[in-house]
Amino acid sequence: MAHWYAELRRHSQQTGRRVTADAVANLADFLRSGTDPKRLDGLFAPRQIQPAAAPSGRGGHSSGAPVTGPVVAPAQE
């Protein structure tokens, strides 16, 4: 991991990018999968948010339609 982190830092300095937590997490994902990243540029992409889990059916809204409701504005002084 230390070798690849050093490579990530070197690449970031050459391209003017910042090594963020997302970039390090992307690198760790590659290394955990047993493959070396072919291009370091891809590691600088933002991580994707995982989809929310499906409702469990215990209360709440489970029809699959979006949940809507009134918008509450903050109290004005």
N, C-alpha and C. Protein backbone atom coordinates (compact mmCIF):
# COMPACT_ATOMS: atom_id res chain seq x y z
N MET A 1 0.83 -1.19 0.00
CA MET A 1 0.00 0.00 0.00
C MET A 1 0.87 1.25 0.00
N ALA A 2 1.97 1.24 0.74
CA ALA A 2 2.82 2.43 0.83
C ALA A 2 3.38 2.80 -0.54
N HIS A 3 3.76 1.80 -1.33
CA HIS A 3 4.28 2.07 -2.67
C HIS A 3 3.23 2.78 -3.52
N TRP A 4 2.00 2.27 -3.48
CA TRP A 4 0.95 2.85 -4.30
C TRP A 4 0.53 4.23 -3.81
N TYR A 5 0.58 4.43 -2.49
CA TYR A 5 0.27 5.76 -1.96
C TYR A 5 1.31 6.77 -2.44
N ALA A 6 2.58 6.37 -2.44
CA ALA A 6 3.64 7.25 -2.94
C ALA A 6 3.43 7.57 -4.42
N GLU A 7 3.01 6.57 -5.18
CA GLU A 7 2.71 6.79 -6.60
C GLU A 7 1.54 7.75 -6.77
N LEU A 8 0.54 7.60 -5.92
CA LEU A 8 -0.63 8.48 -5.97
C LEU A 8 -0.22 9.92 -5.67
N ARG A 9 0.64 10.10 -4.66
CA ARG A 9 1.13 11.44 -4.32
C ARG A 9 1.95 12.04 -5.47
N ARG A 10 2.83 11.23 -6.06
CA ARG A 10 3.66 11.71 -7.17
C ARG A 10 2.78 12.14 -8.34
N HIS A 11 1.79 11.31 -8.65
CA HIS A 11 0.88 11.61 -9.76
C HIS A 11 0.07 12.88 -9.47
N SER A 12 -0.35 13.04 -8.23
CA SER A 12 -1.13 14.23 -7.89
C SER A 12 -0.30 15.50 -8.03
N GLN A 13 0.96 15.44 -7.68
CA GLN A 13 1.83 16.61 -7.82
C GLN A 13 2.05 16.95 -9.29
N GLN A 14 2.17 15.93 -10.12
CA GLN A 14 2.38 16.16 -11.56
C GLN A 14 1.15 16.73 -12.24
N THR A 15 -0.03 16.35 -11.77
CA THR A 15 -1.26 16.77 -12.43
C THR A 15 -1.96 17.92 -11.71
N GLY A 16 -1.45 18.32 -10.55
CA GLY A 16 -2.06 19.43 -9.82
C GLY A 16 -3.33 19.05 -9.08
N ARG A 17 -3.50 17.78 -8.81
CA ARG A 17 -4.68 17.31 -8.08
C ARG A 17 -4.33 17.08 -6.62
N ARG A 18 -5.36 17.07 -5.78
CA ARG A 18 -5.17 16.80 -4.36
C ARG A 18 -5.46 15.34 -4.07
N VAL A 19 -4.67 14.77 -3.17
CA VAL A 19 -4.94 13.40 -2.72
C VAL A 19 -5.97 13.52 -1.60
N THR A 20 -7.18 13.13 -1.89
CA THR A 20 -8.28 13.22 -0.93
C THR A 20 -8.53 11.84 -0.31
N ALA A 21 -9.39 11.84 0.69
CA ALA A 21 -9.77 10.56 1.30
C ALA A 21 -10.44 9.65 0.28
N ASP A 22 -11.20 10.24 -0.65
CA ASP A 22 -11.84 9.44 -1.71
C ASP A 22 -10.80 8.76 -2.59
N ALA A 23 -9.75 9.49 -2.96
CA ALA A 23 -8.71 8.92 -3.81
C ALA A 23 -8.01 7.76 -3.10
N VAL A 24 -7.72 7.92 -1.81
CA VAL A 24 -7.07 6.85 -1.05
C VAL A 24 -8.02 5.66 -0.90
N ALA A 25 -9.30 5.92 -0.66
CA ALA A 25 -10.28 4.83 -0.55
C ALA A 25 -10.41 4.09 -1.88
N ASN A 26 -10.40 4.81 -2.99
CA ASN A 26 -10.46 4.16 -4.30
C ASN A 26 -9.23 3.28 -4.51
N LEU A 27 -8.06 3.77 -4.12
CA LEU A 27 -6.83 2.99 -4.22
C LEU A 27 -6.95 1.72 -3.37
N ALA A 28 -7.44 1.86 -2.15
CA ALA A 28 -7.59 0.69 -1.28
C ALA A 28 -8.55 -0.33 -1.88
N ASP A 29 -9.62 0.13 -2.51
CA ASP A 29 -10.57 -0.79 -3.16
C ASP A 29 -9.87 -1.60 -4.25
N PHE A 30 -9.05 -0.92 -5.06
CA PHE A 30 -8.31 -1.63 -6.11
C PHE A 30 -7.39 -2.68 -5.50
N LEU A 31 -6.65 -2.28 -4.49
CA LEU A 31 -5.67 -3.19 -3.91
C LEU A 31 -6.35 -4.37 -3.20
N ARG A 32 -7.50 -4.13 -2.56
CA ARG A 32 -8.24 -5.23 -1.92
C ARG A 32 -8.75 -6.24 -2.94
N SER A 33 -9.06 -5.75 -4.15
CA SER A 33 -9.57 -6.65 -5.18
C SER A 33 -8.47 -7.49 -5.80
N GLY A 34 -7.22 -7.19 -5.46
CA GLY A 34 -6.10 -7.97 -5.98
C GLY A 34 -5.57 -7.48 -7.31
N THR A 35 -6.05 -6.32 -7.78
CA THR A 35 -5.57 -5.78 -9.04
C THR A 35 -4.87 -4.45 -8.79
N ASP A 36 -3.89 -4.19 -9.61
CA ASP A 36 -3.21 -2.91 -9.54
C ASP A 36 -3.92 -1.93 -10.46
N PRO A 37 -4.08 -0.69 -10.04
CA PRO A 37 -4.73 0.29 -10.92
C PRO A 37 -3.86 0.55 -12.15
N LYS A 38 -4.47 0.49 -13.32
CA LYS A 38 -3.72 0.71 -14.57
C LYS A 38 -3.43 2.19 -14.77
N ARG A 39 -4.40 3.03 -14.43
CA ARG A 39 -4.25 4.47 -14.57
C ARG A 39 -4.63 5.11 -13.25
N LEU A 40 -3.78 5.98 -12.77
CA LEU A 40 -4.04 6.62 -11.48
C LEU A 40 -5.10 7.71 -11.58
N ASP A 41 -5.37 8.22 -12.79
CA ASP A 41 -6.38 9.27 -12.94
C ASP A 41 -7.75 8.83 -12.43
N GLY A 42 -8.09 7.58 -12.64
CA GLY A 42 -9.39 7.07 -12.22
C GLY A 42 -9.58 7.07 -10.71
N LEU A 43 -8.49 7.07 -9.97
CA LEU A 43 -8.59 7.04 -8.51
C LEU A 43 -9.06 8.38 -7.94
N PHE A 44 -8.95 9.43 -8.73
CA PHE A 44 -9.33 10.76 -8.26
C PHE A 44 -10.82 11.05 -8.47
N ALA A 45 -11.54 10.11 -9.05
CA ALA A 45 -12.99 10.29 -9.25
C ALA A 45 -13.70 10.19 -7.90
N PRO A 46 -14.76 10.99 -7.71
CA PRO A 46 -15.50 10.89 -6.44
C PRO A 46 -16.11 9.51 -6.28
N ARG A 47 -16.21 9.07 -5.05
CA ARG A 47 -16.82 7.77 -4.78
C ARG A 47 -18.31 7.86 -4.99
N GLN A 48 -18.91 6.76 -5.37
CA GLN A 48 -20.34 6.71 -5.62
C GLN A 48 -21.06 6.40 -4.31
N ILE A 49 -22.21 7.03 -4.13
CA ILE A 49 -23.03 6.77 -2.95
C ILE A 49 -23.80 5.48 -3.19
N GLN A 50 -23.77 4.60 -2.21
CA GLN A 50 -24.48 3.34 -2.32
C GLN A 50 -25.98 3.59 -2.23
N PRO A 51 -26.80 2.86 -3.00
CA PRO A 51 -28.25 3.06 -2.91
C PRO A 51 -28.76 2.69 -1.53
N ALA A 52 -29.81 3.35 -1.12
CA ALA A 52 -30.41 3.07 0.19
C ALA A 52 -31.04 1.69 0.19
N ALA A 53 -31.07 1.09 1.33
CA ALA A 53 -31.69 -0.24 1.47
C ALA A 53 -33.19 -0.11 1.29
N ALA A 54 -33.79 -1.15 0.79
CA ALA A 54 -35.25 -1.17 0.60
C ALA A 54 -35.93 -1.13 1.96
N PRO A 55 -37.11 -0.51 2.04
CA PRO A 55 -37.83 -0.47 3.31
C PRO A 55 -38.12 -1.88 3.81
N SER A 56 -38.13 -2.04 5.12
CA SER A 56 -38.34 -3.37 5.70
C SER A 56 -39.80 -3.77 5.76
N GLY A 57 -40.70 -2.83 5.49
CA GLY A 57 -42.12 -3.15 5.54
C GLY A 57 -42.73 -2.93 6.90
N ARG A 58 -41.93 -2.57 7.88
CA ARG A 58 -42.46 -2.31 9.22
C ARG A 58 -42.74 -0.83 9.35
N GLY A 59 -43.96 -0.43 9.08
CA GLY A 59 -44.31 0.99 9.15
C GLY A 59 -43.68 1.73 7.99
N GLY A 60 -43.84 3.01 7.95
CA GLY A 60 -43.21 3.80 6.91
C GLY A 60 -43.91 3.65 5.58
N HIS A 61 -43.25 4.06 4.56
CA HIS A 61 -43.79 4.12 3.22
C HIS A 61 -43.16 3.02 2.39
N SER A 62 -43.93 2.12 1.82
CA SER A 62 -43.33 1.01 1.08
C SER A 62 -43.91 0.80 -0.30
N SER A 63 -44.63 1.78 -0.86
CA SER A 63 -45.23 1.59 -2.17
C SER A 63 -44.25 1.81 -3.31
N GLY A 64 -43.07 2.34 -3.00
CA GLY A 64 -42.09 2.63 -4.04
C GLY A 64 -42.20 4.03 -4.58
N ALA A 65 -43.28 4.73 -4.27
CA ALA A 65 -43.44 6.11 -4.72
C ALA A 65 -42.64 7.04 -3.82
N PRO A 66 -42.22 8.18 -4.35
CA PRO A 66 -41.47 9.11 -3.51
C PRO A 66 -42.30 9.59 -2.32
N VAL A 67 -41.63 9.83 -1.23
CA VAL A 67 -42.29 10.33 -0.04
C VAL A 67 -42.25 11.85 -0.10
N THR A 68 -43.39 12.48 0.02
CA THR A 68 -43.46 13.93 -0.02
C THR A 68 -44.15 14.44 1.22
N GLY A 69 -43.98 15.70 1.50
CA GLY A 69 -44.62 16.29 2.66
C GLY A 69 -44.42 17.79 2.62
N PRO A 70 -44.94 18.48 3.61
CA PRO A 70 -44.81 19.94 3.63
C PRO A 70 -43.37 20.36 3.89
N VAL A 71 -43.00 21.47 3.30
CA VAL A 71 -41.68 22.04 3.53
C VAL A 71 -41.79 22.94 4.74
N VAL A 72 -40.89 22.75 5.68
CA VAL A 72 -40.92 23.55 6.91
C VAL A 72 -39.79 24.55 6.84
N ALA A 73 -40.15 25.81 6.88
CA ALA A 73 -39.15 26.89 6.84
C ALA A 73 -38.72 27.22 8.26
N PRO A 74 -37.47 27.67 8.43
CA PRO A 74 -37.03 28.05 9.77
C PRO A 74 -37.82 29.28 10.26
N ALA A 75 -38.00 29.37 11.56
CA ALA A 75 -38.72 30.49 12.16
C ALA A 75 -37.95 31.79 11.91
N GLN A 76 -38.66 32.81 11.54
CA GLN A 76 -38.03 34.12 11.30
C GLN A 76 -38.21 34.98 12.53
N GLU A 77 -37.18 35.72 12.84
CA GLU A 77 -37.22 36.57 14.04
C GLU A 77 -37.78 37.92 13.72
